[in-house]
């Protein structure tokens, strides 16, 4: 499969939940094409790129349901890295989506 739309719903419902959005398999390289919010019950979300040591870099943010998350492509995600989310002010379920193309 060389394309993917990832759909992740965080059901924590309150506070500042975090989680994984996408992690490539061994030897894989994916390009992030875009990200968006679906149902979103929170003040905001930051999308981060996290390395194998847990160091993260914010690559995008959003706050409005059914709208794009601001990201400046190209973003490449390799094995040993992952896309993650950090939600602030959650008051219900929050759904995030990411569109990716497999490069290798």
Protein backbone atom coordinates (compact mmCIF):
# COMPACT_ATOMS: atom_id res chain seq x y z
CA UNK A 1 0.00 0.00 0.00
CA UNK A 2 1.58 3.28 -1.11
CA UNK A 3 -1.02 5.75 0.14
CA UNK A 4 -2.77 6.02 3.47
CA UNK A 5 -5.26 8.23 5.24
CA UNK A 6 -4.84 7.72 8.96
CA UNK A 7 -7.87 8.37 11.17
CA UNK A 8 -7.21 8.47 14.93
CA UNK A 9 -9.81 9.29 17.59
CA UNK A 10 -8.66 10.14 21.11
CA UNK A 11 -11.45 9.21 23.54
CA UNK A 12 -9.77 10.45 26.74
CA UNK A 13 -12.39 13.22 26.88
CA UNK A 14 -10.64 15.70 29.19
CA UNK A 15 -7.34 17.33 30.00
CA UNK A 16 -4.33 17.24 27.69
CA UNK A 17 -4.13 13.76 26.12
CA UNK A 18 -1.29 12.70 23.83
CA UNK A 19 -0.87 9.77 21.48
CA UNK A 20 0.56 8.38 18.28
CA UNK A 21 -0.84 9.32 14.89
CA UNK A 22 1.45 7.27 12.61
CA UNK A 23 4.66 5.23 12.76
CA UNK A 24 6.31 3.71 9.65
CA UNK A 25 7.40 0.09 9.46
CA UNK A 26 11.02 -1.07 9.18
CA UNK A 27 12.77 0.37 6.12
CA UNK A 28 9.83 2.61 5.19
CA UNK A 29 9.81 6.31 4.35
CA UNK A 30 6.51 8.19 4.13
CA UNK A 31 5.74 11.75 3.10
CA UNK A 32 3.07 13.62 5.03
CA UNK A 33 0.85 15.42 2.51
CA UNK A 34 -1.60 17.04 4.89
CA UNK A 35 -3.57 16.70 8.10
CA UNK A 36 -6.99 17.73 9.30
CA UNK A 37 -9.41 17.59 12.21
CA UNK A 38 -12.79 15.88 12.11
CA UNK A 39 -14.92 15.92 15.28
CA UNK A 40 -12.80 18.00 17.66
CA UNK A 41 -13.78 18.87 21.22
CA UNK A 42 -10.73 20.71 22.55
CA UNK A 43 -8.98 24.07 22.54
CA UNK A 44 -6.27 22.92 20.16
CA UNK A 45 -3.85 20.25 19.00
CA UNK A 46 -0.17 20.21 18.09
CA UNK A 47 1.14 17.62 15.64
CA UNK A 48 4.72 16.60 16.40
CA UNK A 49 7.48 14.57 14.78
CA UNK A 50 9.12 12.40 17.47
CA UNK A 51 12.47 10.60 17.22
CA UNK A 52 13.43 7.27 18.82
CA UNK A 53 14.71 9.07 21.96
CA UNK A 54 11.35 10.79 22.50
CA UNK A 55 12.51 14.24 21.40
CA UNK A 56 9.69 16.00 19.60
CA UNK A 57 9.37 18.90 17.19
CA UNK A 58 6.06 20.65 16.54
CA UNK A 59 5.27 20.52 12.81
CA UNK A 60 1.65 21.67 12.82
CA UNK A 61 -1.29 22.91 14.87
CA UNK A 62 -5.04 23.26 14.60
CA UNK A 63 -8.14 24.04 16.63
CA UNK A 64 -11.25 24.01 14.41
CA UNK A 65 -13.34 20.90 13.73
CA UNK A 66 -13.59 19.83 10.08
CA UNK A 67 -10.66 21.99 9.00
CA UNK A 68 -7.04 21.62 7.94
CA UNK A 69 -4.18 21.45 10.38
CA UNK A 70 -1.52 23.98 9.39
CA UNK A 71 1.58 22.06 8.28
CA UNK A 72 4.39 23.16 5.98
CA UNK A 73 5.32 20.20 3.75
CA UNK A 74 7.36 18.36 2.81
CA UNK A 75 7.56 16.31 6.00
CA UNK A 76 9.19 12.88 5.70
CA UNK A 77 8.66 10.23 8.37
CA UNK A 78 11.15 7.37 8.54
CA UNK A 79 11.36 4.23 10.65
CA UNK A 80 12.52 5.23 14.12
CA UNK A 81 10.32 8.33 14.00
CA UNK A 82 6.60 8.85 14.41
CA UNK A 83 3.88 11.44 14.08
CA UNK A 84 2.16 12.18 17.37
CA UNK A 85 -0.46 14.57 18.77
CA UNK A 86 -0.71 16.74 21.87
CA UNK A 87 -4.24 17.94 22.61
CA UNK A 88 -4.95 20.84 24.96
CA UNK A 89 -8.22 21.47 26.79
CA UNK A 90 -10.06 18.33 25.70
CA UNK A 91 -13.78 18.18 26.56
CA UNK A 92 -14.79 15.15 24.48
CA UNK A 93 -13.62 12.96 21.60
CA UNK A 94 -11.06 14.41 19.19
CA UNK A 95 -10.42 12.95 15.72
CA UNK A 96 -7.29 13.76 13.74
CA UNK A 97 -6.45 12.63 10.20
CA UNK A 98 -3.25 12.51 8.17
CA UNK A 99 -2.70 11.77 4.48
CA UNK A 100 0.59 10.09 3.59
CA UNK A 101 2.36 8.67 0.55
CA UNK A 102 4.90 5.88 0.89
CA UNK A 103 8.20 6.87 -0.76
CA UNK A 104 10.14 3.71 0.13
